[in-house]
PDB file of N, CA and C in Angstrom:
ATOM      1  N   UNK A   1      45.596  71.079 119.048  1.00  0.00           N
ATOM      2  CA  UNK A   1      46.741  71.134 119.746  1.00  0.00           C
ATOM      3  C   UNK A   1      47.827  69.417 119.423  1.00  0.00           C
ATOM      4  N   UNK A   2      48.977  70.066 119.568  1.00  0.00           N
ATOM      5  CA  UNK A   2      49.586  68.618 119.806  1.00  0.00           C
ATOM      6  C   UNK A   2      49.908  68.174 120.707  1.00  0.00           C
ATOM      7  N   UNK A   3      49.644  66.819 120.467  1.00  0.00           N
ATOM      8  CA  UNK A   3      50.036  66.003 122.421  1.00  0.00           C
ATOM      9  C   UNK A   3      51.100  65.588 122.177  1.00  0.00           C
ATOM     10  N   UNK A   4      51.993  66.266 123.271  1.00  0.00           N
ATOM     11  CA  UNK A   4      53.460  65.486 123.772  1.00  0.00           C
ATOM     12  C   UNK A   4      53.640  63.806 122.799  1.00  0.00           C
ATOM     13  N   UNK A   5      54.719  63.968 122.185  1.00  0.00           N
ATOM     14  CA  UNK A   5      55.292  62.581 121.916  1.00  0.00           C
ATOM     15  C   UNK A   5      56.706  62.090 122.605  1.00  0.00           C
ATOM     16  N   UNK A   6      56.844  61.341 124.206  1.00  0.00           N
ATOM     17  CA  UNK A   6      57.721  61.117 124.679  1.00  0.00           C
ATOM     18  C   UNK A   6      58.592  60.328 124.183  1.00  0.00           C
ATOM     19  N   UNK A   7      60.099  60.812 123.510  1.00  0.00           N
ATOM     20  CA  UNK A   7      60.852  59.563 123.295  1.00  0.00           C
ATOM     21  C   UNK A   7      60.904  58.473 124.280  1.00  0.00           C
ATOM     22  N   UNK A   8      61.000  56.941 123.302  1.00  0.00           N
ATOM     23  CA  UNK A   8      61.536  56.076 124.418  1.00  0.00           C
ATOM     24  C   UNK A   8      62.600  56.158 124.855  1.00  0.00           C
ATOM     25  N   UNK A   9      63.340  56.186 125.659  1.00  0.00           N
ATOM     26  CA  UNK A   9      64.713  55.881 126.628  1.00  0.00           C
ATOM     27  C   UNK A   9      64.829  54.565 126.760  1.00  0.00           C
ATOM     28  N   UNK A  10      65.700  54.011 126.259  1.00  0.00           N
ATOM     29  CA  UNK A  10      66.073  52.506 126.880  1.00  0.00           C
ATOM     30  C   UNK A  10      66.793  52.644 128.317  1.00  0.00           C
ATOM     31  N   UNK A  11      66.200  51.437 129.155  1.00  0.00           N
ATOM     32  CA  UNK A  11      67.024  51.802 130.528  1.00  0.00           C
ATOM     33  C   UNK A  11      68.488  51.598 130.619  1.00  0.00           C
ATOM     34  N   UNK A  12      69.159  51.554 129.783  1.00  0.00           N
ATOM     35  CA  UNK A  12      70.497  52.222 130.080  1.00  0.00           C
ATOM     36  C   UNK A  12      70.605  53.547 129.480  1.00  0.00           C
ATOM     37  N   UNK A  13      70.125  53.881 128.571  1.00  0.00           N
ATOM     38  CA  UNK A  13      70.378  55.637 128.473  1.00  0.00           C
ATOM     39  C   UNK A  13      69.566  56.364 129.717  1.00  0.00           C
ATOM     40  N   UNK A  14      68.421  55.764 130.603  1.00  0.00           N
ATOM     41  CA  UNK A  14      67.924  56.428 131.560  1.00  0.00           C
ATOM     42  C   UNK A  14      68.409  56.529 132.532  1.00  0.00           C
ATOM     43  N   UNK A  15      69.179  55.652 132.812  1.00  0.00           N
ATOM     44  CA  UNK A  15      69.998  55.236 133.840  1.00  0.00           C
ATOM     45  C   UNK A  15      71.341  56.104 133.808  1.00  0.00           C
ATOM     46  N   UNK A  16      71.670  56.403 132.683  1.00  0.00           N
ATOM     47  CA  UNK A  16      73.075  57.546 132.186  1.00  0.00           C
ATOM     48  C   UNK A  16      72.822  58.928 132.434  1.00  0.00           C
ATOM     49  N   UNK A  17      71.304  59.463 131.696  1.00  0.00           N
ATOM     50  CA  UNK A  17      70.865  60.568 132.056  1.00  0.00           C
ATOM     51  C   UNK A  17      70.379  61.030 133.401  1.00  0.00           C
ATOM     52  N   UNK A  18      70.032  59.876 134.533  1.00  0.00           N
ATOM     53  CA  UNK A  18      69.470  60.376 135.303  1.00  0.00           C
ATOM     54  C   UNK A  18      70.978  60.443 136.409  1.00  0.00           C
ATOM     55  N   UNK A  19      71.938  59.820 135.926  1.00  0.00           N
ATOM     56  CA  UNK A  19      73.385  60.136 136.725  1.00  0.00           C
ATOM     57  C   UNK A  19      74.041  61.313 136.262  1.00  0.00           C
ATOM     58  N   UNK A  20      73.808  61.882 135.231  1.00  0.00           N
ATOM     59  CA  UNK A  20      74.262  62.894 134.628  1.00  0.00           C
ATOM     60  C   UNK A  20      73.976  64.153 135.299  1.00  0.00           C
ATOM     61  N   UNK A  21      72.414  64.200 135.459  1.00  0.00           N
ATOM     62  CA  UNK A  21      71.949  65.214 136.126  1.00  0.00           C
ATOM     63  C   UNK A  21      71.479  64.936 137.808  1.00  0.00           C
ATOM     64  N   UNK A  22      72.022  64.048 138.078  1.00  0.00           N
ATOM     65  CA  UNK A  22      72.737  63.868 139.529  1.00  0.00           C
ATOM     66  C   UNK A  22      74.084  64.706 140.073  1.00  0.00           C
ATOM     67  N   UNK A  23      75.173  64.424 138.498  1.00  0.00           N
ATOM     68  CA  UNK A  23      75.984  64.751 138.543  1.00  0.00           C
ATOM     69  C   UNK A  23      75.930  66.236 138.659  1.00  0.00           C
ATOM     70  N   UNK A  24      75.708  66.646 137.552  1.00  0.00           N
ATOM     71  CA  UNK A  24      75.025  68.196 137.403  1.00  0.00           C
ATOM     72  C   UNK A  24      74.543  69.134 138.202  1.00  0.00           C
ATOM     73  N   UNK A  25      73.601  68.254 139.153  1.00  0.00           N
ATOM     74  CA  UNK A  25      73.019  69.080 140.233  1.00  0.00           C
ATOM     75  C   UNK A  25      73.779  69.614 141.572  1.00  0.00           C
ATOM     76  N   UNK A  26      74.760  68.611 141.789  1.00  0.00           N
ATOM     77  CA  UNK A  26      75.411  68.462 142.616  1.00  0.00           C
ATOM     78  C   UNK A  26      76.897  69.579 142.268  1.00  0.00           C
ATOM     79  N   UNK A  27      77.173  69.426 140.945  1.00  0.00           N
ATOM     80  CA  UNK A  27      78.107  70.468 140.936  1.00  0.00           C
ATOM     81  C   UNK A  27      78.328  71.806 140.922  1.00  0.00           C
ATOM     82  N   UNK A  28      76.200  71.935 140.178  1.00  0.00           N
ATOM     83  CA  UNK A  28      76.068  73.013 140.298  1.00  0.00           C
ATOM     84  C   UNK A  28      75.550  74.081 142.064  1.00  0.00           C
ATOM     85  N   UNK A  29      75.280  72.602 142.429  1.00  0.00           N
ATOM     86  CA  UNK A  29      75.081  73.018 143.883  1.00  0.00           C
ATOM     87  C   UNK A  29      76.337  73.708 144.881  1.00  0.00           C
ATOM     88  N   UNK A  30      77.433  72.938 144.605  1.00  0.00           N
ATOM     89  CA  UNK A  30      78.801  73.214 144.816  1.00  0.00           C
ATOM     90  C   UNK A  30      79.708  74.582 144.453  1.00  0.00           C
ATOM     91  N   UNK A  31      79.134  74.877 143.515  1.00  0.00           N
ATOM     92  CA  UNK A  31      79.467  76.026 142.901  1.00  0.00           C
ATOM     93  C   UNK A  31      78.840  77.282 143.568  1.00  0.00           C
ATOM     94  N   UNK A  32      77.626  77.092 143.320  1.00  0.00           N
ATOM     95  CA  UNK A  32      76.394  78.281 144.029  1.00  0.00           C
ATOM     96  C   UNK A  32      77.117  78.354 145.383  1.00  0.00           C
ATOM     97  N   UNK A  33      77.675  77.243 146.376  1.00  0.00           N
ATOM     98  CA  UNK A  33      78.188  77.167 148.024  1.00  0.00           C
ATOM     99  C   UNK A  33      79.427  77.925 147.539  1.00  0.00           C
ATOM    100  N   UNK A  34      80.167  78.140 146.557  1.00  0.00           N
ATOM    101  CA  UNK A  34      81.460  78.883 146.998  1.00  0.00           C
ATOM    102  C   UNK A  34      81.542  79.683 146.044  1.00  0.00           C
ATOM    103  N   UNK A  35      80.674  80.438 145.718  1.00  0.00           N
ATOM    104  CA  UNK A  35      80.611  81.785 144.777  1.00  0.00           C
ATOM    105  C   UNK A  35      80.147  82.714 146.105  1.00  0.00           C
ATOM    106  N   UNK A  36      80.616  83.854 146.147  1.00  0.00           N
ATOM    107  CA  UNK A  36      80.389  84.698 146.992  1.00  0.00           C
ATOM    108  C   UNK A  36      78.973  85.504 146.758  1.00  0.00           C
ATOM    109  N   UNK A  37      78.878  86.396 147.338  1.00  0.00           N
ATOM    110  CA  UNK A  37      77.323  86.881 146.816  1.00  0.00           C
ATOM    111  C   UNK A  37      77.325  88.486 147.244  1.00  0.00           C
ATOM    112  N   UNK A  38      78.658  88.774 146.224  1.00  0.00           N
ATOM    113  CA  UNK A  38      79.375  90.314 146.815  1.00  0.00           C
ATOM    114  C   UNK A  38      78.123  90.995 145.568  1.00  0.00           C
ATOM    115  N   UNK A  39      77.505  92.229 146.402  1.00  0.00           N
ATOM    116  CA  UNK A  39      76.748  93.112 145.754  1.00  0.00           C
ATOM    117  C   UNK A  39      77.903  93.979 145.140  1.00  0.00           C
ATOM    118  N   UNK A  40      77.158  94.411 144.280  1.00  0.00           N
ATOM    119  CA  UNK A  40      77.751  95.769 143.609  1.00  0.00           C
ATOM    120  C   UNK A  40      79.108  95.400 142.479  1.00  0.00           C
ATOM    121  N   UNK A  41      79.326  93.600 142.796  1.00  0.00           N
ATOM    122  CA  UNK A  41      80.267  93.008 140.972  1.00  0.00           C
ATOM    123  C   UNK A  41      79.308  92.324 140.140  1.00  0.00           C
ATOM    124  N   UNK A  42      79.280  92.705 139.818  1.00  0.00           N
ATOM    125  CA  UNK A  42      78.285  92.712 138.046  1.00  0.00           C
ATOM    126  C   UNK A  42      78.454  91.583 137.975  1.00  0.00           C
ATOM    127  N   UNK A  43      79.821  90.964 137.834  1.00  0.00           N
ATOM    128  CA  UNK A  43      80.153  90.255 136.675  1.00  0.00           C
ATOM    129  C   UNK A  43      79.880  88.529 137.633  1.00  0.00           C
ATOM    130  N   UNK A  44      80.616  88.786 138.882  1.00  0.00           N
ATOM    131  CA  UNK A  44      80.134  87.536 139.783  1.00  0.00           C
ATOM    132  C   UNK A  44      78.467  86.922 140.129  1.00  0.00           C
ATOM    133  N   UNK A  45      77.947  88.658 140.273  1.00  0.00           N
ATOM    134  CA  UNK A  45      76.434  88.378 140.154  1.00  0.00           C
ATOM    135  C   UNK A  45      75.531  87.532 139.116  1.00  0.00           C
ATOM    136  N   UNK A  46      76.678  87.882 137.897  1.00  0.00           N
ATOM    137  CA  UNK A  46      75.977  87.149 136.590  1.00  0.00           C
ATOM    138  C   UNK A  46      76.148  85.908 136.358  1.00  0.00           C
ATOM    139  N   UNK A  47      77.583  85.790 137.001  1.00  0.00           N
ATOM    140  CA  UNK A  47      78.057  84.265 137.035  1.00  0.00           C
ATOM    141  C   UNK A  47      77.482  83.198 138.075  1.00  0.00           C
ATOM    142  N   UNK A  48      76.718  83.792 139.208  1.00  0.00           N
ATOM    143  CA  UNK A  48      76.130  83.304 140.077  1.00  0.00           C
ATOM    144  C   UNK A  48      74.728  83.000 139.509  1.00  0.00           C
ATOM    145  N   UNK A  49      74.178  84.196 138.655  1.00  0.00           N
ATOM    146  CA  UNK A  49      72.663  83.849 138.161  1.00  0.00           C
ATOM    147  C   UNK A  49      72.771  82.693 137.265  1.00  0.00           C
ATOM    148  N   UNK A  50      74.141  82.826 136.609  1.00  0.00           N
ATOM    149  CA  UNK A  50      74.205  81.728 135.586  1.00  0.00           C
ATOM    150  C   UNK A  50      73.962  80.398 136.068  1.00  0.00           C
ATOM    151  N   UNK A  51      74.857  80.191 137.010  1.00  0.00           N
ATOM    152  CA  UNK A  51      74.725  78.660 137.444  1.00  0.00           C
ATOM    153  C   UNK A  51      73.430  78.364 138.152  1.00  0.00           C
ATOM    154  N   UNK A  52      72.602  79.384 139.002  1.00  0.00           N
ATOM    155  CA  UNK A  52      71.309  79.021 139.108  1.00  0.00           C
ATOM    156  C   UNK A  52      70.624  79.009 138.458  1.00  0.00           C
ATOM    157  N   UNK A  53      70.659  79.386 137.604  1.00  0.00           N
ATOM    158  CA  UNK A  53      69.343  78.895 136.209  1.00  0.00           C
ATOM    159  C   UNK A  53      69.971  77.978 135.604  1.00  0.00           C
ATOM    160  N   UNK A  54      71.016  76.918 135.554  1.00  0.00           N
ATOM    161  CA  UNK A  54      71.635  75.850 135.001  1.00  0.00           C
ATOM    162  C   UNK A  54      70.839  74.779 135.935  1.00  0.00           C
ATOM    163  N   UNK A  55      71.574  75.081 137.753  1.00  0.00           N
ATOM    164  CA  UNK A  55      70.678  74.569 138.543  1.00  0.00           C
ATOM    165  C   UNK A  55      69.579  74.435 138.419  1.00  0.00           C
ATOM    166  N   UNK A  56      68.228  75.292 138.417  1.00  0.00           N
ATOM    167  CA  UNK A  56      66.873  75.221 138.140  1.00  0.00           C
ATOM    168  C   UNK A  56      66.632  73.989 137.129  1.00  0.00           C
ATOM    169  N   UNK A  57      67.371  74.544 135.909  1.00  0.00           N
ATOM    170  CA  UNK A  57      66.985  73.827 134.726  1.00  0.00           C
ATOM    171  C   UNK A  57      67.145  72.307 134.870  1.00  0.00           C
ATOM    172  N   UNK A  58      68.220  71.731 135.372  1.00  0.00           N
ATOM    173  CA  UNK A  58      68.388  70.338 135.929  1.00  0.00           C
ATOM    174  C   UNK A  58      67.694  70.050 137.073  1.00  0.00           C
ATOM    175  N   UNK A  59      67.033  70.393 137.769  1.00  0.00           N
ATOM    176  CA  UNK A  59      65.896  70.461 138.859  1.00  0.00           C
ATOM    177  C   UNK A  59      64.910  69.845 138.096  1.00  0.00           C
ATOM    178  N   UNK A  60      64.546  70.734 137.072  1.00  0.00           N
ATOM    179  CA  UNK A  60      63.326  70.843 136.273  1.00  0.00           C
ATOM    180  C   UNK A  60      63.805  69.780 135.584  1.00  0.00           C
ATOM    181  N   UNK A  61      64.177  68.932 134.868  1.00  0.00           N
ATOM    182  CA  UNK A  61      64.637  67.950 134.165  1.00  0.00           C
ATOM    183  C   UNK A  61      64.414  66.676 134.922  1.00  0.00           C
ATOM    184  N   UNK A  62      64.998  66.647 136.163  1.00  0.00           N
ATOM    185  CA  UNK A  62      64.669  65.678 137.327  1.00  0.00           C
ATOM    186  C   UNK A  62      63.437  65.357 137.516  1.00  0.00           C
ATOM    187  N   UNK A  63      62.978  66.570 137.683  1.00  0.00           N
ATOM    188  CA  UNK A  63      61.088  66.158 137.868  1.00  0.00           C
ATOM    189  C   UNK A  63      60.252  65.785 136.820  1.00  0.00           C
ATOM    190  N   UNK A  64      61.122  66.229 135.878  1.00  0.00           N
ATOM    191  CA  UNK A  64      60.146  65.739 134.197  1.00  0.00           C
ATOM    192  C   UNK A  64      60.679  64.539 134.184  1.00  0.00           C
ATOM    193  N   UNK A  65      61.480  64.124 134.163  1.00  0.00           N
ATOM    194  CA  UNK A  65      61.766  62.447 134.297  1.00  0.00           C
ATOM    195  C   UNK A  65      61.184  61.448 135.652  1.00  0.00           C
ATOM    196  N   UNK A  66      60.724  62.216 136.544  1.00  0.00           N
ATOM    197  CA  UNK A  66      59.957  61.535 137.442  1.00  0.00           C
ATOM    198  C   UNK A  66      58.517  61.390 137.293  1.00  0.00           C
ATOM    199  N   UNK A  67      57.654  62.619 136.318  1.00  0.00           N
ATOM    200  CA  UNK A  67      56.942  62.661 135.939  1.00  0.00           C
ATOM    201  C   UNK A  67      56.463  61.928 135.122  1.00  0.00           C
ATOM    202  N   UNK A  68      57.831  61.295 134.242  1.00  0.00           N
ATOM    203  CA  UNK A  68      57.564  60.652 132.991  1.00  0.00           C
ATOM    204  C   UNK A  68      56.770  61.826 131.781  1.00  0.00           C
ATOM    205  N   UNK A  69      57.037  63.051 131.503  1.00  0.00           N
ATOM    206  CA  UNK A  69      57.160  63.715 130.945  1.00  0.00           C
ATOM    207  C   UNK A  69      58.611  63.928 130.352  1.00  0.00           C
ATOM    208  N   UNK A  70      59.640  63.735 130.717  1.00  0.00           N
ATOM    209  CA  UNK A  70      61.201  63.770 130.138  1.00  0.00           C
ATOM    210  C   UNK A  70      60.878  63.736 128.237  1.00  0.00           C
ATOM    211  N   UNK A  71      62.019  64.353 127.547  1.00  0.00           N
ATOM    212  CA  UNK A  71      62.207  63.625 126.033  1.00  0.00           C
ATOM    213  C   UNK A  71      61.265  64.926 125.597  1.00  0.00           C
ATOM    214  N   UNK A  72      60.311  65.385 125.872  1.00  0.00           N
ATOM    215  CA  UNK A  72      59.021  66.419 124.902  1.00  0.00           C
ATOM    216  C   UNK A  72      59.578  67.948 124.659  1.00  0.00           C
ATOM    217  N   UNK A  73      59.886  68.613 123.150  1.00  0.00           N
ATOM    218  CA  UNK A  73      60.069  69.818 123.253  1.00  0.00           C
ATOM    219  C   UNK A  73      59.048  70.525 124.359  1.00  0.00           C
ATOM    220  N   UNK A  74      59.291  71.694 125.071  1.00  0.00           N
ATOM    221  CA  UNK A  74      58.260  72.253 125.517  1.00  0.00           C
ATOM    222  C   UNK A  74      57.783  73.273 124.595  1.00  0.00           C
ATOM    223  N   UNK A  75      58.241  73.199 123.409  1.00  0.00           N
ATOM    224  CA  UNK A  75      57.556  74.332 122.641  1.00  0.00           C
ATOM    225  C   UNK A  75      57.282  73.857 122.111  1.00  0.00           C
ATOM    226  N   UNK A  76      57.335  72.987 120.803  1.00  0.00           N
ATOM    227  CA  UNK A  76      56.885  72.024 119.794  1.00  0.00           C
ATOM    228  C   UNK A  76      56.296  70.801 120.433  1.00  0.00           C
ATOM    229  N   UNK A  77      56.640  70.450 121.342  1.00  0.00           N
ATOM    230  CA  UNK A  77      56.519  69.059 121.819  1.00  0.00           C
ATOM    231  C   UNK A  77      56.794  67.660 121.135  1.00  0.00           C
ATOM    232  N   UNK A  78      57.501  67.578 120.318  1.00  0.00           N
ATOM    233  CA  UNK A  78      57.979  66.506 119.834  1.00  0.00           C
ATOM    234  C   UNK A  78      59.209  66.007 120.398  1.00  0.00           C
ATOM    235  N   UNK A  79      59.644  64.567 120.260  1.00  0.00           N
ATOM    236  CA  UNK A  79      60.896  64.129 120.960  1.00  0.00           C
ATOM    237  C   UNK A  79      61.757  64.903 120.816  1.00  0.00           C
ATOM    238  N   UNK A  80      62.034  64.619 121.569  1.00  0.00           N
ATOM    239  CA  UNK A  80      64.112  65.045 121.485  1.00  0.00           C
ATOM    240  C   UNK A  80      64.534  63.932 121.512  1.00  0.00           C
ATOM    241  N   UNK A  81      65.383  64.062 120.462  1.00  0.00           N
ATOM    242  CA  UNK A  81      66.369  62.734 120.279  1.00  0.00           C
ATOM    243  C   UNK A  81      67.185  62.159 121.242  1.00  0.00           C
ATOM    244  N   UNK A  82      67.656  60.714 121.811  1.00  0.00           N
ATOM    245  CA  UNK A  82      68.216  60.500 123.072  1.00  0.00           C
ATOM    246  C   UNK A  82      69.253  61.163 123.077  1.00  0.00           C
ATOM    247  N   UNK A  83      70.019  61.135 122.048  1.00  0.00           N
ATOM    248  CA  UNK A  83      71.472  61.799 121.676  1.00  0.00           C
ATOM    249  C   UNK A  83      71.536  63.206 122.664  1.00  0.00           C
ATOM    250  N   UNK A  84      70.931  63.891 122.000  1.00  0.00           N
ATOM    251  CA  UNK A  84      71.093  65.226 122.404  1.00  0.00           C
ATOM    252  C   UNK A  84      70.404  65.825 124.219  1.00  0.00           C
ATOM    253  N   UNK A  85      69.476  64.654 124.558  1.00  0.00           N
ATOM    254  CA  UNK A  85      69.067  64.678 125.861  1.00  0.00           C
ATOM    255  C   UNK A  85      70.626  63.221 126.931  1.00  0.00           C
ATOM    256  N   UNK A  86      71.088  62.465 125.735  1.00  0.00           N
ATOM    257  CA  UNK A  86      72.643  62.180 126.620  1.00  0.00           C
ATOM    258  C   UNK A  86      73.601  63.152 126.794  1.00  0.00           C
ATOM    259  N   UNK A  87      73.798  64.050 125.745  1.00  0.00           N
ATOM    260  CA  UNK A  87      74.458  65.036 125.724  1.00  0.00           C
ATOM    261  C   UNK A  87      74.016  66.226 126.868  1.00  0.00           C
ATOM    262  N   UNK A  88      72.626  66.825 126.650  1.00  0.00           N
ATOM    263  CA  UNK A  88      72.636  67.502 127.579  1.00  0.00           C
ATOM    264  C   UNK A  88      70.989  67.576 128.319  1.00  0.00           C
ATOM    265  N   UNK A  89      71.280  66.468 129.246  1.00  0.00           N
ATOM    266  CA  UNK A  89      70.019  66.510 129.586  1.00  0.00           C
ATOM    267  C   UNK A  89      68.908  67.256 130.263  1.00  0.00           C
ATOM    268  N   UNK A  90      69.749  68.025 130.639  1.00  0.00           N
ATOM    269  CA  UNK A  90      68.809  69.448 131.159  1.00  0.00           C
ATOM    270  C   UNK A  90      67.485  69.885 130.348  1.00  0.00           C
ATOM    271  N   UNK A  91      67.796  69.678 128.843  1.00  0.00           N
ATOM    272  CA  UNK A  91      67.512  70.352 127.763  1.00  0.00           C
ATOM    273  C   UNK A  91      66.220  70.564 127.552  1.00  0.00           C
ATOM    274  N   UNK A  92      65.553  71.822 127.467  1.00  0.00           N
ATOM    275  CA  UNK A  92      63.978  71.858 127.042  1.00  0.00           C
ATOM    276  C   UNK A  92      63.437  71.826 125.483  1.00  0.00           C
ATOM    277  N   UNK A  93      64.569  71.961 124.725  1.00  0.00           N
ATOM    278  CA  UNK A  93      64.191  72.060 123.440  1.00  0.00           C
ATOM    279  C   UNK A  93      64.742  70.941 122.574  1.00  0.00           C
ATOM    280  N   UNK A  94      64.148  70.876 121.461  1.00  0.00           N
ATOM    281  CA  UNK A  94      64.741  70.078 120.136  1.00  0.00           C
ATOM    282  C   UNK A  94      65.525  71.641 119.612  1.00  0.00           C
ATOM    283  N   UNK A  95      66.427  70.461 118.878  1.00  0.00           N
ATOM    284  CA  UNK A  95      67.463  71.367 117.600  1.00  0.00           C
ATOM    285  C   UNK A  95      66.815  72.427 117.391  1.00  0.00           C
ATOM    286  N   UNK A  96      65.448  72.270 116.601  1.00  0.00           N
ATOM    287  CA  UNK A  96      65.220  72.669 115.596  1.00  0.00           C
ATOM    288  C   UNK A  96      64.353  74.356 116.830  1.00  0.00           C
ATOM    289  N   UNK A  97      63.870  74.380 117.537  1.00  0.00           N
ATOM    290  CA  UNK A  97      63.387  75.130 118.723  1.00  0.00           C
ATOM    291  C   UNK A  97      64.351  76.015 118.946  1.00  0.00           C
ATOM    292  N   UNK A  98      65.118  75.498 119.474  1.00  0.00           N
ATOM    293  CA  UNK A  98      66.918  75.809 120.010  1.00  0.00           C
ATOM    294  C   UNK A  98      67.523  76.979 119.436  1.00  0.00           C
ATOM    295  N   UNK A  99      67.382  76.603 118.339  1.00  0.00           N
ATOM    296  CA  UNK A  99      67.638  77.480 117.384  1.00  0.00           C
ATOM    297  C   UNK A  99      67.298  78.597 117.194  1.00  0.00           C
ATOM    298  N   UNK A 100      65.787  78.813 116.650  1.00  0.00           N
ATOM    299  CA  UNK A 100      64.753  79.833 116.645  1.00  0.00           C
ATOM    300  C   UNK A 100      65.522  80.616 117.546  1.00  0.00           C
TER     301      UNK A 100
END
């Protein structure tokens, strides 16, 4: 079994990631609050589900950051480059695993 190796994230990068996650969570929550729950409207339901999924991913990333497990690929356990984490901080997979 591979032992996860978490990337060293410097203080400035961590602050940017925390801020980006907080902004993403607030934005997705606002979107959910504004979207209606119209039964039978498949496109609206799909959009709502997509926004809810991203919000769940963002909250999971915030939890990983708090636990100290943030930054490791959930599939292969290798460190996700900080540059990728700054672009999409809720990502769970490294580029290699995400492309499979």
